[in-house]
Every structure is written in structure tokens, then in C-alpha cells.
PDB file of N, CA and C in Angstrom:
ATOM      1  N   UNK A   1     192.688 -57.183  83.569  1.00  0.00           N
ATOM      2  CA  UNK A   1     192.484 -55.872  83.410  1.00  0.00           C
ATOM      3  C   UNK A   1     191.489 -55.125  84.324  1.00  0.00           C
ATOM      4  N   UNK A   2     191.839 -53.839  84.727  1.00  0.00           N
ATOM      5  CA  UNK A   2     191.030 -53.190  85.700  1.00  0.00           C
ATOM      6  C   UNK A   2     189.723 -52.552  85.002  1.00  0.00           C
ATOM      7  N   UNK A   3     188.751 -52.751  85.834  1.00  0.00           N
ATOM      8  CA  UNK A   3     187.474 -52.099  85.211  1.00  0.00           C
ATOM      9  C   UNK A   3     187.575 -50.426  85.383  1.00  0.00           C
ATOM     10  N   UNK A   4     186.839 -49.928  84.403  1.00  0.00           N
ATOM     11  CA  UNK A   4     186.906 -48.504  84.221  1.00  0.00           C
ATOM     12  C   UNK A   4     185.553 -48.005  85.247  1.00  0.00           C
ATOM     13  N   UNK A   5     185.907 -46.694  85.523  1.00  0.00           N
ATOM     14  CA  UNK A   5     184.815 -46.157  86.330  1.00  0.00           C
ATOM     15  C   UNK A   5     183.439 -46.282  85.549  1.00  0.00           C
ATOM     16  N   UNK A   6     183.369 -46.123  84.280  1.00  0.00           N
ATOM     17  CA  UNK A   6     182.194 -46.140  83.520  1.00  0.00           C
ATOM     18  C   UNK A   6     181.528 -47.418  83.492  1.00  0.00           C
ATOM     19  N   UNK A   7     182.394 -48.525  83.296  1.00  0.00           N
ATOM     20  CA  UNK A   7     181.933 -49.883  83.205  1.00  0.00           C
ATOM     21  C   UNK A   7     181.358 -50.136  84.562  1.00  0.00           C
ATOM     22  N   UNK A   8     181.948 -49.861  85.776  1.00  0.00           N
ATOM     23  CA  UNK A   8     181.364 -50.138  86.983  1.00  0.00           C
ATOM     24  C   UNK A   8     180.077 -49.418  87.293  1.00  0.00           C
ATOM     25  N   UNK A   9     179.823 -48.228  86.841  1.00  0.00           N
ATOM     26  CA  UNK A   9     178.660 -47.490  86.808  1.00  0.00           C
ATOM     27  C   UNK A   9     177.441 -48.086  86.105  1.00  0.00           C
ATOM     28  N   UNK A  10     177.877 -48.564  84.801  1.00  0.00           N
ATOM     29  CA  UNK A  10     176.871 -49.118  84.177  1.00  0.00           C
ATOM     30  C   UNK A  10     176.498 -50.406  84.696  1.00  0.00           C
ATOM     31  N   UNK A  11     177.420 -51.138  85.329  1.00  0.00           N
ATOM     32  CA  UNK A  11     176.940 -52.516  86.024  1.00  0.00           C
ATOM     33  C   UNK A  11     176.137 -52.021  87.425  1.00  0.00           C
ATOM     34  N   UNK A  12     176.268 -50.941  87.967  1.00  0.00           N
ATOM     35  CA  UNK A  12     175.565 -50.657  89.141  1.00  0.00           C
ATOM     36  C   UNK A  12     173.990 -50.208  88.629  1.00  0.00           C
ATOM     37  N   UNK A  13     174.085 -49.546  87.601  1.00  0.00           N
ATOM     38  CA  UNK A  13     172.702 -49.088  86.915  1.00  0.00           C
ATOM     39  C   UNK A  13     172.030 -50.241  86.397  1.00  0.00           C
ATOM     40  N   UNK A  14     172.635 -51.265  85.850  1.00  0.00           N
ATOM     41  CA  UNK A  14     171.910 -52.471  85.213  1.00  0.00           C
ATOM     42  C   UNK A  14     171.275 -53.029  86.565  1.00  0.00           C
ATOM     43  N   UNK A  15     172.074 -53.357  87.487  1.00  0.00           N
ATOM     44  CA  UNK A  15     171.792 -54.273  88.638  1.00  0.00           C
ATOM     45  C   UNK A  15     170.642 -53.484  89.512  1.00  0.00           C
ATOM     46  N   UNK A  16     170.682 -52.017  89.425  1.00  0.00           N
ATOM     47  CA  UNK A  16     169.489 -51.382  90.043  1.00  0.00           C
ATOM     48  C   UNK A  16     168.366 -51.546  89.303  1.00  0.00           C
ATOM     49  N   UNK A  17     168.280 -51.380  88.086  1.00  0.00           N
ATOM     50  CA  UNK A  17     167.237 -51.569  87.053  1.00  0.00           C
ATOM     51  C   UNK A  17     166.566 -53.016  87.223  1.00  0.00           C
ATOM     52  N   UNK A  18     167.270 -54.169  87.236  1.00  0.00           N
ATOM     53  CA  UNK A  18     166.934 -55.265  87.499  1.00  0.00           C
ATOM     54  C   UNK A  18     166.227 -55.517  88.858  1.00  0.00           C
ATOM     55  N   UNK A  19     166.740 -54.823  89.914  1.00  0.00           N
ATOM     56  CA  UNK A  19     166.120 -55.068  91.220  1.00  0.00           C
ATOM     57  C   UNK A  19     164.925 -54.264  91.268  1.00  0.00           C
ATOM     58  N   UNK A  20     164.827 -53.352  90.734  1.00  0.00           N
ATOM     59  CA  UNK A  20     163.419 -52.494  90.515  1.00  0.00           C
ATOM     60  C   UNK A  20     162.526 -53.285  89.844  1.00  0.00           C
ATOM     61  N   UNK A  21     162.685 -53.843  88.651  1.00  0.00           N
ATOM     62  CA  UNK A  21     161.983 -54.823  88.039  1.00  0.00           C
ATOM     63  C   UNK A  21     161.365 -56.008  88.913  1.00  0.00           C
ATOM     64  N   UNK A  22     162.341 -56.513  89.686  1.00  0.00           N
ATOM     65  CA  UNK A  22     162.011 -57.730  90.562  1.00  0.00           C
ATOM     66  C   UNK A  22     161.106 -57.277  91.709  1.00  0.00           C
ATOM     67  N   UNK A  23     161.482 -56.163  92.312  1.00  0.00           N
ATOM     68  CA  UNK A  23     160.442 -55.674  93.298  1.00  0.00           C
ATOM     69  C   UNK A  23     159.084 -55.392  92.773  1.00  0.00           C
ATOM     70  N   UNK A  24     159.031 -54.717  91.502  1.00  0.00           N
ATOM     71  CA  UNK A  24     157.738 -54.572  91.050  1.00  0.00           C
ATOM     72  C   UNK A  24     156.855 -55.708  90.885  1.00  0.00           C
ATOM     73  N   UNK A  25     157.498 -56.694  90.541  1.00  0.00           N
ATOM     74  CA  UNK A  25     156.871 -58.149  90.200  1.00  0.00           C
ATOM     75  C   UNK A  25     156.200 -58.670  91.620  1.00  0.00           C
ATOM     76  N   UNK A  26     156.784 -58.312  92.631  1.00  0.00           N
ATOM     77  CA  UNK A  26     156.267 -58.680  93.972  1.00  0.00           C
ATOM     78  C   UNK A  26     155.097 -57.996  94.525  1.00  0.00           C
ATOM     79  N   UNK A  27     154.910 -56.662  94.018  1.00  0.00           N
ATOM     80  CA  UNK A  27     153.641 -55.935  94.447  1.00  0.00           C
ATOM     81  C   UNK A  27     152.374 -56.487  94.097  1.00  0.00           C
ATOM     82  N   UNK A  28     151.494 -56.526  95.027  1.00  0.00           N
ATOM     83  CA  UNK A  28     150.088 -57.089  94.738  1.00  0.00           C
ATOM     84  C   UNK A  28     149.297 -55.800  94.715  1.00  0.00           C
ATOM     85  N   UNK A  29     148.858 -55.453  93.268  1.00  0.00           N
ATOM     86  CA  UNK A  29     148.092 -54.440  93.097  1.00  0.00           C
ATOM     87  C   UNK A  29     146.742 -54.635  93.261  1.00  0.00           C
ATOM     88  N   UNK A  30     146.015 -53.768  93.833  1.00  0.00           N
ATOM     89  CA  UNK A  30     144.427 -53.770  94.060  1.00  0.00           C
ATOM     90  C   UNK A  30     143.618 -53.851  92.857  1.00  0.00           C
ATOM     91  N   UNK A  31     142.722 -54.598  93.040  1.00  0.00           N
ATOM     92  CA  UNK A  31     141.542 -54.498  91.777  1.00  0.00           C
ATOM     93  C   UNK A  31     140.850 -53.232  91.772  1.00  0.00           C
ATOM     94  N   UNK A  32     140.162 -53.197  90.616  1.00  0.00           N
ATOM     95  CA  UNK A  32     139.433 -51.930  90.452  1.00  0.00           C
ATOM     96  C   UNK A  32     138.467 -51.767  91.591  1.00  0.00           C
ATOM     97  N   UNK A  33     137.734 -52.654  91.960  1.00  0.00           N
ATOM     98  CA  UNK A  33     136.701 -52.667  93.035  1.00  0.00           C
ATOM     99  C   UNK A  33     137.497 -52.324  94.345  1.00  0.00           C
ATOM    100  N   UNK A  34     138.629 -53.126  94.619  1.00  0.00           N
ATOM    101  CA  UNK A  34     139.189 -52.489  95.796  1.00  0.00           C
ATOM    102  C   UNK A  34     139.754 -51.035  95.875  1.00  0.00           C
ATOM    103  N   UNK A  35     140.194 -50.741  94.734  1.00  0.00           N
ATOM    104  CA  UNK A  35     140.714 -49.286  94.752  1.00  0.00           C
ATOM    105  C   UNK A  35     139.643 -48.214  94.768  1.00  0.00           C
ATOM    106  N   UNK A  36     138.443 -48.564  94.163  1.00  0.00           N
ATOM    107  CA  UNK A  36     137.167 -47.769  94.207  1.00  0.00           C
ATOM    108  C   UNK A  36     136.758 -47.797  95.730  1.00  0.00           C
ATOM    109  N   UNK A  37     136.602 -48.922  96.404  1.00  0.00           N
ATOM    110  CA  UNK A  37     136.054 -48.753  97.794  1.00  0.00           C
ATOM    111  C   UNK A  37     136.994 -47.972  98.700  1.00  0.00           C
ATOM    112  N   UNK A  38     138.427 -48.250  98.526  1.00  0.00           N
ATOM    113  CA  UNK A  38     139.421 -47.447  99.330  1.00  0.00           C
ATOM    114  C   UNK A  38     139.304 -46.062  99.074  1.00  0.00           C
ATOM    115  N   UNK A  39     139.184 -45.658  97.792  1.00  0.00           N
ATOM    116  CA  UNK A  39     139.074 -44.228  97.483  1.00  0.00           C
ATOM    117  C   UNK A  39     137.571 -43.603  98.260  1.00  0.00           C
ATOM    118  N   UNK A  40     136.488 -44.190  98.315  1.00  0.00           N
ATOM    119  CA  UNK A  40     135.374 -43.936  98.839  1.00  0.00           C
ATOM    120  C   UNK A  40     135.641 -43.796 100.339  1.00  0.00           C
ATOM    121  N   UNK A  41     136.320 -44.732 100.994  1.00  0.00           N
ATOM    122  CA  UNK A  41     136.549 -44.530 102.396  1.00  0.00           C
ATOM    123  C   UNK A  41     137.350 -43.377 102.547  1.00  0.00           C
ATOM    124  N   UNK A  42     138.550 -43.029 101.846  1.00  0.00           N
ATOM    125  CA  UNK A  42     139.187 -41.944 102.056  1.00  0.00           C
ATOM    126  C   UNK A  42     138.367 -40.640 101.948  1.00  0.00           C
ATOM    127  N   UNK A  43     137.680 -40.565 100.882  1.00  0.00           N
ATOM    128  CA  UNK A  43     136.811 -39.310 100.901  1.00  0.00           C
ATOM    129  C   UNK A  43     135.960 -39.055 101.896  1.00  0.00           C
ATOM    130  N   UNK A  44     135.102 -40.232 102.206  1.00  0.00           N
ATOM    131  CA  UNK A  44     134.299 -40.153 103.207  1.00  0.00           C
ATOM    132  C   UNK A  44     134.947 -39.954 104.553  1.00  0.00           C
ATOM    133  N   UNK A  45     136.053 -40.283 105.011  1.00  0.00           N
ATOM    134  CA  UNK A  45     136.758 -39.951 106.131  1.00  0.00           C
ATOM    135  C   UNK A  45     137.083 -38.364 105.955  1.00  0.00           C
ATOM    136  N   UNK A  46     137.493 -38.144 104.850  1.00  0.00           N
ATOM    137  CA  UNK A  46     138.142 -36.526 104.553  1.00  0.00           C
ATOM    138  C   UNK A  46     136.804 -35.592 104.830  1.00  0.00           C
ATOM    139  N   UNK A  47     135.845 -36.189 104.311  1.00  0.00           N
ATOM    140  CA  UNK A  47     134.460 -35.203 104.620  1.00  0.00           C
ATOM    141  C   UNK A  47     134.136 -35.103 106.120  1.00  0.00           C
ATOM    142  N   UNK A  48     134.208 -36.282 106.683  1.00  0.00           N
ATOM    143  CA  UNK A  48     133.835 -36.501 108.222  1.00  0.00           C
ATOM    144  C   UNK A  48     134.655 -35.495 109.061  1.00  0.00           C
ATOM    145  N   UNK A  49     136.102 -35.555 108.646  1.00  0.00           N
ATOM    146  CA  UNK A  49     136.882 -34.828 109.482  1.00  0.00           C
ATOM    147  C   UNK A  49     136.751 -33.570 109.247  1.00  0.00           C
ATOM    148  N   UNK A  50     136.488 -32.963 108.083  1.00  0.00           N
ATOM    149  CA  UNK A  50     136.335 -31.464 107.500  1.00  0.00           C
ATOM    150  C   UNK A  50     135.099 -31.000 108.329  1.00  0.00           C
ATOM    151  N   UNK A  51     134.118 -31.800 108.453  1.00  0.00           N
ATOM    152  CA  UNK A  51     132.769 -31.367 108.958  1.00  0.00           C
ATOM    153  C   UNK A  51     133.059 -31.282 110.500  1.00  0.00           C
ATOM    154  N   UNK A  52     134.011 -32.184 111.145  1.00  0.00           N
ATOM    155  CA  UNK A  52     134.173 -32.085 112.601  1.00  0.00           C
ATOM    156  C   UNK A  52     135.111 -30.828 112.928  1.00  0.00           C
ATOM    157  N   UNK A  53     135.965 -30.587 112.100  1.00  0.00           N
ATOM    158  CA  UNK A  53     136.886 -29.381 112.222  1.00  0.00           C
ATOM    159  C   UNK A  53     136.157 -28.157 112.045  1.00  0.00           C
ATOM    160  N   UNK A  54     135.243 -28.161 110.984  1.00  0.00           N
ATOM    161  CA  UNK A  54     134.471 -26.959 110.870  1.00  0.00           C
ATOM    162  C   UNK A  54     133.487 -26.796 112.097  1.00  0.00           C
ATOM    163  N   UNK A  55     132.878 -27.744 112.643  1.00  0.00           N
ATOM    164  CA  UNK A  55     132.043 -27.621 113.842  1.00  0.00           C
ATOM    165  C   UNK A  55     132.986 -27.137 114.967  1.00  0.00           C
ATOM    166  N   UNK A  56     133.972 -27.608 115.261  1.00  0.00           N
ATOM    167  CA  UNK A  56     134.788 -27.151 116.176  1.00  0.00           C
ATOM    168  C   UNK A  56     135.309 -25.584 116.098  1.00  0.00           C
ATOM    169  N   UNK A  57     135.716 -25.263 114.840  1.00  0.00           N
ATOM    170  CA  UNK A  57     135.978 -23.944 114.531  1.00  0.00           C
ATOM    171  C   UNK A  57     134.938 -23.074 114.682  1.00  0.00           C
ATOM    172  N   UNK A  58     133.491 -23.532 114.503  1.00  0.00           N
ATOM    173  CA  UNK A  58     132.260 -22.671 114.683  1.00  0.00           C
ATOM    174  C   UNK A  58     132.250 -22.496 116.047  1.00  0.00           C
ATOM    175  N   UNK A  59     132.397 -23.606 116.894  1.00  0.00           N
ATOM    176  CA  UNK A  59     132.104 -23.405 118.357  1.00  0.00           C
ATOM    177  C   UNK A  59     132.995 -22.581 118.904  1.00  0.00           C
ATOM    178  N   UNK A  60     134.344 -22.648 118.532  1.00  0.00           N
ATOM    179  CA  UNK A  60     135.443 -21.709 119.128  1.00  0.00           C
ATOM    180  C   UNK A  60     135.022 -20.468 118.862  1.00  0.00           C
ATOM    181  N   UNK A  61     134.624 -20.213 117.516  1.00  0.00           N
ATOM    182  CA  UNK A  61     134.243 -18.776 117.080  1.00  0.00           C
ATOM    183  C   UNK A  61     133.263 -18.220 118.023  1.00  0.00           C
ATOM    184  N   UNK A  62     132.172 -18.889 118.259  1.00  0.00           N
ATOM    185  CA  UNK A  62     131.122 -18.398 119.154  1.00  0.00           C
ATOM    186  C   UNK A  62     131.525 -18.240 120.605  1.00  0.00           C
ATOM    187  N   UNK A  63     132.426 -19.178 121.043  1.00  0.00           N
ATOM    188  CA  UNK A  63     132.806 -19.018 122.494  1.00  0.00           C
ATOM    189  C   UNK A  63     133.886 -17.729 122.545  1.00  0.00           C
ATOM    190  N   UNK A  64     134.737 -17.589 121.533  1.00  0.00           N
ATOM    191  CA  UNK A  64     135.557 -16.205 121.653  1.00  0.00           C
ATOM    192  C   UNK A  64     134.814 -15.167 121.367  1.00  0.00           C
ATOM    193  N   UNK A  65     133.660 -15.111 120.548  1.00  0.00           N
ATOM    194  CA  UNK A  65     132.764 -13.839 120.519  1.00  0.00           C
ATOM    195  C   UNK A  65     132.054 -13.552 121.874  1.00  0.00           C
ATOM    196  N   UNK A  66     131.619 -14.487 122.547  1.00  0.00           N
ATOM    197  CA  UNK A  66     131.234 -14.178 123.728  1.00  0.00           C
ATOM    198  C   UNK A  66     131.937 -13.613 124.835  1.00  0.00           C
ATOM    199  N   UNK A  67     133.243 -14.323 124.821  1.00  0.00           N
ATOM    200  CA  UNK A  67     134.548 -13.713 125.714  1.00  0.00           C
ATOM    201  C   UNK A  67     134.939 -12.219 125.318  1.00  0.00           C
ATOM    202  N   UNK A  68     135.039 -11.980 124.001  1.00  0.00           N
ATOM    203  CA  UNK A  68     135.443 -10.667 123.592  1.00  0.00           C
ATOM    204  C   UNK A  68     134.236  -9.765 123.727  1.00  0.00           C
ATOM    205  N   UNK A  69     133.165 -10.138 123.574  1.00  0.00           N
ATOM    206  CA  UNK A  69     132.009  -9.316 123.623  1.00  0.00           C
ATOM    207  C   UNK A  69     131.604  -9.094 122.255  1.00  0.00           C
ATOM    208  N   UNK A  70     131.980  -9.519 121.370  1.00  0.00           N
ATOM    209  CA  UNK A  70     131.500  -9.302 119.950  1.00  0.00           C
ATOM    210  C   UNK A  70     130.206  -9.587 119.361  1.00  0.00           C
ATOM    211  N   UNK A  71     129.850  -9.418 118.350  1.00  0.00           N
ATOM    212  CA  UNK A  71     128.396  -9.826 117.907  1.00  0.00           C
ATOM    213  C   UNK A  71     128.105 -11.213 117.722  1.00  0.00           C
TER     214      UNK A  71
END
């Protein structure tokens, strides 16, 4: 007996769901402390980059004001 298109689709979906479950079991989730530390690193780095870019922007603003003759 030939498989119907619906039966083949269900088999593919079931296999896909099993594979997802299998892959999620392999994931090593960070502990609360690791997640907190990494979050602080990201926030600190973002603040540092923001301050650097703000300083560069301020410097260029002053340079262009001198070139153009603005105040």
C-alpha cells in the first residue's frame, strides 16, 4: 500500500520534533551566576563602546566647528 502525502508529512513532522528534543538535550545551559556575569560583561562593554563613540562624536563636532567657523 502506498503512503499518502498526509502520512509522509506527519512522519517528517514527528521526526523533526524528535530531533529538536534530542538537540535541546545536548545544550549546556549556563548557571544563574554565569548568566549574570555574562550579562554584566555585555552591559559594561556596551557602556564603554557608547562612551568611546560619544567621545569621538564630540571630537569630530569640535573639529568640524573649527573648520566651518561655527561657534
